[in-house]
Amino acid sequence: DLSQEPIESTIKVFLNGNQRSQNWTYDSITNSVTFSVNIPGEGDVVEI
């Protein structure tokens, strides 16, 4: 979940310090980012 409504084109997703340009989607209805592949697990660091 995101804490504020984003300007969608500015969203950047990082997993363990590496930017992910695909395999995630933004849902404006729930104001959240969802991973579709290589879903983060224990010990992974996600930064949006």
All heavy atoms as atom14 arrays in JSON, in Angstrom:
{
  "sequence": "DLSQEPIESTIKVFLNGNQRSQNWTYDSITNSVTFSVNIPGEGDVVEI",
  "atom14_mask": [
    [1, 1, 1, 1, 1, 1, 1, 1, 0, 0, 0, 0, 0, 0],
    [1, 1, 1, 1, 1, 1, 1, 1, 0, 0, 0, 0, 0, 0],
    [1, 1, 1, 1, 1, 1, 0, 0, 0, 0, 0, 0, 0, 0],
    [1, 1, 1, 1, 1, 1, 1, 1, 1, 0, 0, 0, 0, 0],
    [1, 1, 1, 1, 1, 1, 1, 1, 1, 0, 0, 0, 0, 0],
    [1, 1, 1, 1, 1, 1, 1, 0, 0, 0, 0, 0, 0, 0],
    [1, 1, 1, 1, 1, 1, 1, 1, 0, 0, 0, 0, 0, 0],
    [1, 1, 1, 1, 1, 1, 1, 1, 1, 0, 0, 0, 0, 0],
    [1, 1, 1, 1, 1, 1, 0, 0, 0, 0, 0, 0, 0, 0],
    [1, 1, 1, 1, 1, 1, 1, 0, 0, 0, 0, 0, 0, 0],
    [1, 1, 1, 1, 1, 1, 1, 1, 0, 0, 0, 0, 0, 0],
    [1, 1, 1, 1, 1, 1, 1, 1, 1, 0, 0, 0, 0, 0],
    [1, 1, 1, 1, 1, 1, 1, 0, 0, 0, 0, 0, 0, 0],
    [1, 1, 1, 1, 1, 1, 1, 1, 1, 1, 1, 0, 0, 0],
    [1, 1, 1, 1, 1, 1, 1, 1, 0, 0, 0, 0, 0, 0],
    [1, 1, 1, 1, 1, 1, 1, 1, 0, 0, 0, 0, 0, 0],
    [1, 1, 1, 1, 0, 0, 0, 0, 0, 0, 0, 0, 0, 0],
    [1, 1, 1, 1, 1, 1, 1, 1, 0, 0, 0, 0, 0, 0],
    [1, 1, 1, 1, 1, 1, 1, 1, 1, 0, 0, 0, 0, 0],
    [1, 1, 1, 1, 1, 1, 1, 1, 1, 1, 1, 0, 0, 0],
    [1, 1, 1, 1, 1, 1, 0, 0, 0, 0, 0, 0, 0, 0],
    [1, 1, 1, 1, 1, 1, 1, 1, 1, 0, 0, 0, 0, 0],
    [1, 1, 1, 1, 1, 1, 1, 1, 0, 0, 0, 0, 0, 0],
    [1, 1, 1, 1, 1, 1, 1, 1, 1, 1, 1, 1, 1, 1],
    [1, 1, 1, 1, 1, 1, 1, 0, 0, 0, 0, 0, 0, 0],
    [1, 1, 1, 1, 1, 1, 1, 1, 1, 1, 1, 1, 0, 0],
    [1, 1, 1, 1, 1, 1, 1, 1, 0, 0, 0, 0, 0, 0],
    [1, 1, 1, 1, 1, 1, 0, 0, 0, 0, 0, 0, 0, 0],
    [1, 1, 1, 1, 1, 1, 1, 1, 0, 0, 0, 0, 0, 0],
    [1, 1, 1, 1, 1, 1, 1, 0, 0, 0, 0, 0, 0, 0],
    [1, 1, 1, 1, 1, 1, 1, 1, 0, 0, 0, 0, 0, 0],
    [1, 1, 1, 1, 1, 1, 0, 0, 0, 0, 0, 0, 0, 0],
    [1, 1, 1, 1, 1, 1, 1, 0, 0, 0, 0, 0, 0, 0],
    [1, 1, 1, 1, 1, 1, 1, 0, 0, 0, 0, 0, 0, 0],
    [1, 1, 1, 1, 1, 1, 1, 1, 1, 1, 1, 0, 0, 0],
    [1, 1, 1, 1, 1, 1, 0, 0, 0, 0, 0, 0, 0, 0],
    [1, 1, 1, 1, 1, 1, 1, 0, 0, 0, 0, 0, 0, 0],
    [1, 1, 1, 1, 1, 1, 1, 1, 0, 0, 0, 0, 0, 0],
    [1, 1, 1, 1, 1, 1, 1, 1, 0, 0, 0, 0, 0, 0],
    [1, 1, 1, 1, 1, 1, 1, 0, 0, 0, 0, 0, 0, 0],
    [1, 1, 1, 1, 0, 0, 0, 0, 0, 0, 0, 0, 0, 0],
    [1, 1, 1, 1, 1, 1, 1, 1, 1, 0, 0, 0, 0, 0],
    [1, 1, 1, 1, 0, 0, 0, 0, 0, 0, 0, 0, 0, 0],
    [1, 1, 1, 1, 1, 1, 1, 1, 0, 0, 0, 0, 0, 0],
    [1, 1, 1, 1, 1, 1, 1, 0, 0, 0, 0, 0, 0, 0],
    [1, 1, 1, 1, 1, 1, 1, 0, 0, 0, 0, 0, 0, 0],
    [1, 1, 1, 1, 1, 1, 1, 1, 1, 0, 0, 0, 0, 0],
    [1, 1, 1, 1, 1, 1, 1, 1, 0, 0, 0, 0, 0, 0]
  ],
  "atom14_positions": [
    [[0.84, -1.2, 0.0], [0.0, 0.0, 0.0], [0.87, 1.25, 0.0], [1.91, 1.29, 0.67], [-0.91, 0.03, 1.23], [-1.9, -1.12, 1.24], [-2.3, -1.57, 0.15], [-2.28, -1.57, 2.34], [0.0, 0.0, 0.0], [0.0, 0.0, 0.0], [0.0, 0.0, 0.0], [0.0, 0.0, 0.0], [0.0, 0.0, 0.0], [0.0, 0.0, 0.0]],
    [[0.43, 2.27, -0.74], [1.13, 3.55, -0.76], [0.46, 4.5, 0.22], [-0.75, 4.44, 0.42], [1.12, 4.13, -2.18], [1.71, 3.24, -3.27], [1.67, 3.95, -4.62], [3.13, 2.81, -2.93], [0.0, 0.0, 0.0], [0.0, 0.0, 0.0], [0.0, 0.0, 0.0], [0.0, 0.0, 0.0], [0.0, 0.0, 0.0], [0.0, 0.0, 0.0]],
    [[1.23, 5.39, 0.81], [0.68, 6.29, 1.82], [-0.02, 7.51, 1.23], [-0.83, 8.13, 1.89], [1.78, 6.74, 2.78], [2.79, 7.42, 2.07], [0.0, 0.0, 0.0], [0.0, 0.0, 0.0], [0.0, 0.0, 0.0], [0.0, 0.0, 0.0], [0.0, 0.0, 0.0], [0.0, 0.0, 0.0], [0.0, 0.0, 0.0], [0.0, 0.0, 0.0]],
    [[0.32, 7.85, -0.02], [-0.3, 8.98, -0.7], [-0.65, 8.58, -2.12], [-0.08, 7.61, -2.66], [0.64, 10.19, -0.73], [0.99, 10.73, 0.63], [1.99, 11.87, 0.5], [3.09, 11.69, 0.02], [1.57, 13.05, 0.92], [0.0, 0.0, 0.0], [0.0, 0.0, 0.0], [0.0, 0.0, 0.0], [0.0, 0.0, 0.0], [0.0, 0.0, 0.0]],
    [[-1.54, 9.34, -2.75], [-1.86, 9.09, -4.15], [-0.7, 9.56, -5.01], [-0.29, 10.72, -4.92], [-3.14, 9.84, -4.54], [-3.56, 9.61, -5.96], [-4.79, 10.41, -6.36], [-5.42, 11.04, -5.48], [-5.12, 10.41, -7.55], [0.0, 0.0, 0.0], [0.0, 0.0, 0.0], [0.0, 0.0, 0.0], [0.0, 0.0, 0.0], [0.0, 0.0, 0.0]],
    [[-0.14, 8.7, -5.84], [1.03, 9.09, -6.63], [0.65, 9.65, -7.99], [-0.43, 9.4, -8.51], [1.77, 7.77, -6.82], [0.66, 6.78, -6.93], [-0.41, 7.27, -5.96], [0.0, 0.0, 0.0], [0.0, 0.0, 0.0], [0.0, 0.0, 0.0], [0.0, 0.0, 0.0], [0.0, 0.0, 0.0], [0.0, 0.0, 0.0], [0.0, 0.0, 0.0]],
    [[1.58, 10.4, -8.56], [1.51, 10.67, -10.0], [2.05, 9.39, -10.62], [3.23, 9.05, -10.44], [2.36, 11.9, -10.38], [1.83, 13.14, -9.67], [2.39, 12.08, -11.89], [2.71, 14.37, -9.83], [0.0, 0.0, 0.0], [0.0, 0.0, 0.0], [0.0, 0.0, 0.0], [0.0, 0.0, 0.0], [0.0, 0.0, 0.0], [0.0, 0.0, 0.0]],
    [[1.17, 8.67, -11.28], [1.49, 7.29, -11.68], [2.78, 7.17, -12.48], [3.55, 6.23, -12.3], [0.31, 6.7, -12.44], [0.41, 5.22, -12.65], [-0.87, 4.6, -13.16], [-1.94, 5.23, -13.09], [-0.78, 3.46, -13.63], [0.0, 0.0, 0.0], [0.0, 0.0, 0.0], [0.0, 0.0, 0.0], [0.0, 0.0, 0.0], [0.0, 0.0, 0.0]],
    [[3.04, 8.12, -13.35], [4.24, 8.04, -14.2], [5.54, 8.18, -13.42], [6.62, 7.9, -13.95], [4.17, 9.1, -15.3], [4.18, 10.39, -14.73], [0.0, 0.0, 0.0], [0.0, 0.0, 0.0], [0.0, 0.0, 0.0], [0.0, 0.0, 0.0], [0.0, 0.0, 0.0], [0.0, 0.0, 0.0], [0.0, 0.0, 0.0], [0.0, 0.0, 0.0]],
    [[5.47, 8.61, -12.16], [6.68, 8.8, -11.37], [7.0, 7.62, -10.46], [8.02, 7.64, -9.77], [6.59, 10.07, -10.5], [5.59, 9.88, -9.48], [6.26, 11.29, -11.35], [0.0, 0.0, 0.0], [0.0, 0.0, 0.0], [0.0, 0.0, 0.0], [0.0, 0.0, 0.0], [0.0, 0.0, 0.0], [0.0, 0.0, 0.0], [0.0, 0.0, 0.0]],
    [[6.17, 6.59, -10.45], [6.39, 5.44, -9.56], [7.64, 4.68, -10.0], [7.79, 4.33, -11.16], [5.18, 4.49, -9.54], [3.93, 5.21, -9.03], [5.48, 3.26, -8.67], [2.67, 4.39, -9.17], [0.0, 0.0, 0.0], [0.0, 0.0, 0.0], [0.0, 0.0, 0.0], [0.0, 0.0, 0.0], [0.0, 0.0, 0.0], [0.0, 0.0, 0.0]],
    [[8.51, 4.43, -9.03], [9.69, 3.6, -9.25], [9.71, 2.54, -8.14], [9.49, 2.85, -6.97], [10.97, 4.42, -9.19], [11.11, 5.39, -10.35], [12.41, 6.15, -10.27], [12.49, 7.16, -11.42], [13.7, 7.97, -11.33], [0.0, 0.0, 0.0], [0.0, 0.0, 0.0], [0.0, 0.0, 0.0], [0.0, 0.0, 0.0], [0.0, 0.0, 0.0]],
    [[9.96, 1.3, -8.53], [9.95, 0.18, -7.59], [11.34, -0.43, -7.53], [11.94, -0.72, -8.57], [8.91, -0.87, -8.02], [8.94, -2.07, -7.09], [7.51, -0.26, -8.06], [0.0, 0.0, 0.0], [0.0, 0.0, 0.0], [0.0, 0.0, 0.0], [0.0, 0.0, 0.0], [0.0, 0.0, 0.0], [0.0, 0.0, 0.0], [0.0, 0.0, 0.0]],
    [[11.85, -0.61, -6.32], [13.16, -1.19, -6.1], [13.03, -2.43, -5.22], [12.28, -2.41, -4.24], [14.09, -0.18, -5.4], [14.32, 1.07, -6.19], [13.43, 2.14, -6.1], [15.42, 1.18, -7.03], [13.63, 3.3, -6.83], [15.63, 2.35, -7.76], [14.73, 3.41, -7.66], [0.0, 0.0, 0.0], [0.0, 0.0, 0.0], [0.0, 0.0, 0.0]],
    [[13.74, -3.48, -5.57], [13.79, -4.69, -4.76], [15.26, -4.96, -4.47], [16.07, -5.16, -5.39], [13.16, -5.87, -5.5], [13.17, -7.2, -4.77], [12.38, -7.1, -3.46], [12.58, -8.3, -5.64], [0.0, 0.0, 0.0], [0.0, 0.0, 0.0], [0.0, 0.0, 0.0], [0.0, 0.0, 0.0], [0.0, 0.0, 0.0], [0.0, 0.0, 0.0]],
    [[15.61, -4.9, -3.19], [16.99, -5.09, -2.75], [17.96, -4.14, -3.47], [19.05, -4.53, -3.86], [17.42, -6.54, -2.93], [16.58, -7.48, -2.08], [16.22, -7.16, -0.95], [16.24, -8.62, -2.63], [0.0, 0.0, 0.0], [0.0, 0.0, 0.0], [0.0, 0.0, 0.0], [0.0, 0.0, 0.0], [0.0, 0.0, 0.0], [0.0, 0.0, 0.0]],
    [[17.5, -2.89, -3.65], [18.34, -1.87, -4.26], [18.34, -1.84, -5.77], [18.93, -0.94, -6.36], [0.0, 0.0, 0.0], [0.0, 0.0, 0.0], [0.0, 0.0, 0.0], [0.0, 0.0, 0.0], [0.0, 0.0, 0.0], [0.0, 0.0, 0.0], [0.0, 0.0, 0.0], [0.0, 0.0, 0.0], [0.0, 0.0, 0.0], [0.0, 0.0, 0.0]],
    [[17.72, -2.82, -6.41], [17.69, -2.87, -7.87], [16.32, -2.43, -8.38], [15.3, -2.96, -7.94], [17.97, -4.3, -8.37], [19.34, -4.77, -7.95], [20.33, -4.09, -8.16], [19.4, -5.93, -7.33], [0.0, 0.0, 0.0], [0.0, 0.0, 0.0], [0.0, 0.0, 0.0], [0.0, 0.0, 0.0], [0.0, 0.0, 0.0], [0.0, 0.0, 0.0]],
    [[16.32, -1.48, -9.32], [15.05, -0.99, -9.84], [14.39, -2.07, -10.69], [15.04, -2.72, -11.51], [15.23, 0.28, -10.67], [13.91, 0.86, -11.11], [14.04, 2.23, -11.75], [15.12, 2.8, -11.8], [12.95, 2.75, -12.24], [0.0, 0.0, 0.0], [0.0, 0.0, 0.0], [0.0, 0.0, 0.0], [0.0, 0.0, 0.0], [0.0, 0.0, 0.0]],
    [[13.1, -2.25, -10.46], [12.3, -3.19, -11.25], [11.43, -2.38, -12.19], [10.56, -1.62, -11.75], [11.4, -4.04, -10.34], [12.14, -4.89, -9.32], [12.25, -6.34, -9.67], [11.05, -6.98, -10.08], [10.38, -7.89, -9.37], [10.78, -8.23, -8.17], [9.31, -8.47, -9.87], [0.0, 0.0, 0.0], [0.0, 0.0, 0.0], [0.0, 0.0, 0.0]],
    [[11.66, -2.51, -13.47], [10.88, -1.75, -14.45], [9.67, -2.52, -14.95], [8.84, -1.97, -15.67], [11.76, -1.34, -15.62], [12.31, -2.48, -16.24], [0.0, 0.0, 0.0], [0.0, 0.0, 0.0], [0.0, 0.0, 0.0], [0.0, 0.0, 0.0], [0.0, 0.0, 0.0], [0.0, 0.0, 0.0], [0.0, 0.0, 0.0], [0.0, 0.0, 0.0]],
    [[9.55, -3.79, -14.56], [8.41, -4.6, -14.98], [8.07, -5.61, -13.89], [8.72, -5.65, -12.86], [8.72, -5.31, -16.29], [9.96, -6.16, -16.27], [10.3, -6.67, -17.66], [9.68, -6.32, -18.64], [11.31, -7.51, -17.76], [0.0, 0.0, 0.0], [0.0, 0.0, 0.0], [0.0, 0.0, 0.0], [0.0, 0.0, 0.0], [0.0, 0.0, 0.0]],
    [[7.03, -6.38, -14.14], [6.55, -7.41, -13.21], [5.93, -6.84, -11.95], [5.93, -7.48, -10.91], [7.65, -8.43, -12.87], [8.15, -9.15, -14.1], [7.37, -9.48, -14.99], [9.43, -9.37, -14.16], [0.0, 0.0, 0.0], [0.0, 0.0, 0.0], [0.0, 0.0, 0.0], [0.0, 0.0, 0.0], [0.0, 0.0, 0.0], [0.0, 0.0, 0.0]],
    [[5.42, -5.61, -12.05], [4.63, -5.01, -10.99], [3.59, -4.12, -11.64], [3.76, -3.66, -12.77], [5.49, -4.23, -9.99], [6.25, -3.07, -10.58], [7.52, -3.1, -11.06], [5.78, -1.73, -10.76], [7.88, -1.85, -11.54], [6.82, -0.99, -11.37], [4.59, -1.07, -10.48], [6.71, 0.36, -11.68], [4.48, 0.28, -10.79], [5.52, 0.97, -11.38]],
    [[2.5, -3.88, -10.93], [1.45, -2.99, -11.42], [0.98, -2.07, -10.3], [1.07, -2.42, -9.13], [0.23, -3.78, -11.95], [-0.25, -4.64, -10.9], [0.59, -4.61, -13.16], [0.0, 0.0, 0.0], [0.0, 0.0, 0.0], [0.0, 0.0, 0.0], [0.0, 0.0, 0.0], [0.0, 0.0, 0.0], [0.0, 0.0, 0.0], [0.0, 0.0, 0.0]],
    [[0.51, -0.91, -10.71], [-0.09, 0.02, -9.76], [-1.6, -0.05, -9.91], [-2.12, -0.02, -11.03], [0.38, 1.46, -10.02], [-0.39, 2.48, -9.22], [-0.27, 2.52, -7.84], [-1.26, 3.35, -9.85], [-1.0, 3.44, -7.1], [-1.99, 4.27, -9.11], [-1.86, 4.31, -7.74], [-2.59, 5.21, -7.0], [0.0, 0.0, 0.0], [0.0, 0.0, 0.0]],
    [[-2.31, -0.16, -8.79], [-3.78, -0.19, -8.78], [-4.27, 1.1, -8.13], [-4.08, 1.3, -6.92], [-4.26, -1.4, -7.98], [-5.77, -1.56, -8.01], [-6.5, -0.58, -8.26], [-6.24, -2.69, -7.78], [0.0, 0.0, 0.0], [0.0, 0.0, 0.0], [0.0, 0.0, 0.0], [0.0, 0.0, 0.0], [0.0, 0.0, 0.0], [0.0, 0.0, 0.0]],
    [[-4.88, 1.97, -8.93], [-5.33, 3.27, -8.42], [-6.52, 3.13, -7.47], [-6.73, 3.99, -6.62], [-5.69, 4.21, -9.57], [-6.73, 3.67, -10.35], [0.0, 0.0, 0.0], [0.0, 0.0, 0.0], [0.0, 0.0, 0.0], [0.0, 0.0, 0.0], [0.0, 0.0, 0.0], [0.0, 0.0, 0.0], [0.0, 0.0, 0.0], [0.0, 0.0, 0.0]],
    [[-7.28, 2.07, -7.6], [-8.44, 1.88, -6.71], [-7.99, 1.56, -5.29], [-8.51, 2.11, -4.33], [-9.37, 0.78, -7.27], [-9.96, 1.24, -8.6], [-10.47, 0.42, -6.26], [-10.72, 0.18, -9.35], [0.0, 0.0, 0.0], [0.0, 0.0, 0.0], [0.0, 0.0, 0.0], [0.0, 0.0, 0.0], [0.0, 0.0, 0.0], [0.0, 0.0, 0.0]],
    [[-6.99, 0.7, -5.16], [-6.5, 0.34, -3.82], [-5.27, 1.15, -3.42], [-4.79, 1.01, -2.29], [-6.15, -1.16, -3.76], [-5.11, -1.43, -4.72], [-7.36, -2.02, -4.04], [0.0, 0.0, 0.0], [0.0, 0.0, 0.0], [0.0, 0.0, 0.0], [0.0, 0.0, 0.0], [0.0, 0.0, 0.0], [0.0, 0.0, 0.0], [0.0, 0.0, 0.0]],
    [[-4.75, 1.98, -4.33], [-3.55, 2.77, -4.11], [-2.4, 1.88, -3.63], [-1.8, 2.11, -2.59], [-3.8, 3.92, -3.14], [-2.7, 4.95, -3.2], [-2.17, 5.25, -4.27], [-2.33, 5.5, -2.05], [0.0, 0.0, 0.0], [0.0, 0.0, 0.0], [0.0, 0.0, 0.0], [0.0, 0.0, 0.0], [0.0, 0.0, 0.0], [0.0, 0.0, 0.0]],
    [[-2.14, 0.84, -4.43], [-1.1, -0.11, -4.04], [-0.34, -0.6, -5.26], [-0.81, -0.53, -6.39], [-1.72, -1.29, -3.3], [-2.63, -1.97, -4.14], [0.0, 0.0, 0.0], [0.0, 0.0, 0.0], [0.0, 0.0, 0.0], [0.0, 0.0, 0.0], [0.0, 0.0, 0.0], [0.0, 0.0, 0.0], [0.0, 0.0, 0.0], [0.0, 0.0, 0.0]],
    [[0.85, -1.13, -4.99], [1.7, -1.74, -6.0], [1.71, -3.25, -5.73], [1.9, -3.67, -4.59], [3.13, -1.17, -5.96], [4.08, -1.99, -6.8], [3.13, 0.28, -6.4], [0.0, 0.0, 0.0], [0.0, 0.0, 0.0], [0.0, 0.0, 0.0], [0.0, 0.0, 0.0], [0.0, 0.0, 0.0], [0.0, 0.0, 0.0], [0.0, 0.0, 0.0]],
    [[1.5, -4.03, -6.79], [1.47, -5.48, -6.66], [2.52, -6.11, -7.57], [2.58, -5.8, -8.76], [0.08, -6.04, -7.02], [-0.89, -5.46, -6.14], [0.03, -7.56, -6.88], [0.0, 0.0, 0.0], [0.0, 0.0, 0.0], [0.0, 0.0, 0.0], [0.0, 0.0, 0.0], [0.0, 0.0, 0.0], [0.0, 0.0, 0.0], [0.0, 0.0, 0.0]],
    [[3.34, -6.99, -7.0], [4.32, -7.74, -7.76], [3.63, -8.94, -8.4], [2.81, -9.6, -7.79], [5.44, -8.25, -6.84], [6.4, -7.19, -6.4], [6.1, -6.37, -5.32], [7.6, -7.0, -7.06], [6.99, -5.39, -4.9], [8.49, -6.03, -6.66], [8.18, -5.22, -5.58], [0.0, 0.0, 0.0], [0.0, 0.0, 0.0], [0.0, 0.0, 0.0]],
    [[4.01, -9.25, -9.65], [3.42, -10.41, -10.34], [4.41, -11.55, -10.49], [4.01, -12.7, -10.66], [2.9, -9.99, -11.71], [3.94, -9.42, -12.48], [0.0, 0.0, 0.0], [0.0, 0.0, 0.0], [0.0, 0.0, 0.0], [0.0, 0.0, 0.0], [0.0, 0.0, 0.0], [0.0, 0.0, 0.0], [0.0, 0.0, 0.0], [0.0, 0.0, 0.0]],
    [[5.71, -11.27, -10.45], [6.76, -12.27, -10.61], [7.87, -11.96, -9.61], [8.1, -10.8, -9.28], [7.33, -12.24, -12.05], [8.47, -13.22, -12.22], [6.24, -12.55, -13.06], [0.0, 0.0, 0.0], [0.0, 0.0, 0.0], [0.0, 0.0, 0.0], [0.0, 0.0, 0.0], [0.0, 0.0, 0.0], [0.0, 0.0, 0.0], [0.0, 0.0, 0.0]],
    [[8.57, -12.98, -9.14], [9.65, -12.79, -8.16], [9.15, -11.96, -6.98], [9.69, -10.9, -6.66], [10.88, -12.15, -8.8], [11.49, -13.02, -9.86], [11.47, -14.24, -9.76], [12.03, -12.41, -10.9], [0.0, 0.0, 0.0], [0.0, 0.0, 0.0], [0.0, 0.0, 0.0], [0.0, 0.0, 0.0], [0.0, 0.0, 0.0], [0.0, 0.0, 0.0]],
    [[8.11, -12.46, -6.35], [7.47, -11.77, -5.23], [8.43, -11.69, -4.05], [9.08, -12.68, -3.71], [6.16, -12.5, -4.86], [5.2, -12.46, -6.05], [5.52, -11.9, -3.62], [4.02, -13.37, -5.93], [0.0, 0.0, 0.0], [0.0, 0.0, 0.0], [0.0, 0.0, 0.0], [0.0, 0.0, 0.0], [0.0, 0.0, 0.0], [0.0, 0.0, 0.0]],
    [[8.55, -10.51, -3.44], [9.48, -10.36, -2.31], [9.16, -11.32, -1.17], [8.0, -11.59, -0.88], [9.25, -8.91, -1.86], [8.68, -8.23, -3.06], [7.88, -9.28, -3.77], [0.0, 0.0, 0.0], [0.0, 0.0, 0.0], [0.0, 0.0, 0.0], [0.0, 0.0, 0.0], [0.0, 0.0, 0.0], [0.0, 0.0, 0.0], [0.0, 0.0, 0.0]],
    [[10.21, -11.81, -0.56], [10.07, -12.72, 0.57], [10.82, -12.21, 1.78], [11.28, -11.06, 1.83], [0.0, 0.0, 0.0], [0.0, 0.0, 0.0], [0.0, 0.0, 0.0], [0.0, 0.0, 0.0], [0.0, 0.0, 0.0], [0.0, 0.0, 0.0], [0.0, 0.0, 0.0], [0.0, 0.0, 0.0], [0.0, 0.0, 0.0], [0.0, 0.0, 0.0]],
    [[10.97, -13.08, 2.74], [11.63, -12.73, 3.99], [13.04, -12.22, 3.71], [13.8, -12.83, 2.95], [11.7, -13.95, 4.9], [12.3, -13.67, 6.25], [12.29, -14.88, 7.16], [12.04, -15.99, 6.68], [12.54, -14.7, 8.35], [0.0, 0.0, 0.0], [0.0, 0.0, 0.0], [0.0, 0.0, 0.0], [0.0, 0.0, 0.0], [0.0, 0.0, 0.0]],
    [[13.38, -11.08, 4.28], [14.71, -10.5, 4.12], [14.85, -9.57, 2.93], [15.83, -8.85, 2.84], [0.0, 0.0, 0.0], [0.0, 0.0, 0.0], [0.0, 0.0, 0.0], [0.0, 0.0, 0.0], [0.0, 0.0, 0.0], [0.0, 0.0, 0.0], [0.0, 0.0, 0.0], [0.0, 0.0, 0.0], [0.0, 0.0, 0.0], [0.0, 0.0, 0.0]],
    [[13.89, -9.59, 2.02], [13.95, -8.68, 0.88], [13.56, -7.27, 1.31], [12.73, -7.08, 2.2], [13.0, -9.13, -0.24], [13.51, -10.33, -1.0], [14.74, -10.49, -1.1], [12.68, -11.11, -1.49], [0.0, 0.0, 0.0], [0.0, 0.0, 0.0], [0.0, 0.0, 0.0], [0.0, 0.0, 0.0], [0.0, 0.0, 0.0], [0.0, 0.0, 0.0]],
    [[14.18, -6.28, 0.68], [13.89, -4.88, 0.97], [13.18, -4.28, -0.25], [13.72, -4.29, -1.35], [15.17, -4.08, 1.28], [14.86, -2.61, 1.49], [15.87, -4.68, 2.5], [0.0, 0.0, 0.0], [0.0, 0.0, 0.0], [0.0, 0.0, 0.0], [0.0, 0.0, 0.0], [0.0, 0.0, 0.0], [0.0, 0.0, 0.0], [0.0, 0.0, 0.0]],
    [[11.98, -3.78, -0.02], [11.19, -3.15, -1.08], [11.12, -1.66, -0.8], [10.81, -1.23, 0.31], [9.75, -3.74, -1.12], [8.9, -3.01, -2.14], [9.8, -5.22, -1.43], [0.0, 0.0, 0.0], [0.0, 0.0, 0.0], [0.0, 0.0, 0.0], [0.0, 0.0, 0.0], [0.0, 0.0, 0.0], [0.0, 0.0, 0.0], [0.0, 0.0, 0.0]],
    [[11.43, -0.87, -1.83], [11.31, 0.58, -1.73], [10.51, 1.06, -2.94], [10.81, 0.68, -4.07], [12.68, 1.24, -1.72], [12.61, 2.76, -1.6], [13.98, 3.41, -1.62], [14.99, 2.73, -1.86], [14.02, 4.63, -1.42], [0.0, 0.0, 0.0], [0.0, 0.0, 0.0], [0.0, 0.0, 0.0], [0.0, 0.0, 0.0], [0.0, 0.0, 0.0]],
    [[9.5, 1.86, -2.67], [8.67, 2.41, -3.74], [8.71, 3.92, -3.59], [8.33, 4.46, -2.55], [7.22, 1.89, -3.65], [7.22, 0.36, -3.73], [6.36, 2.49, -4.76], [5.89, -0.28, -3.42], [0.0, 0.0, 0.0], [0.0, 0.0, 0.0], [0.0, 0.0, 0.0], [0.0, 0.0, 0.0], [0.0, 0.0, 0.0], [0.0, 0.0, 0.0]]
  ]
}
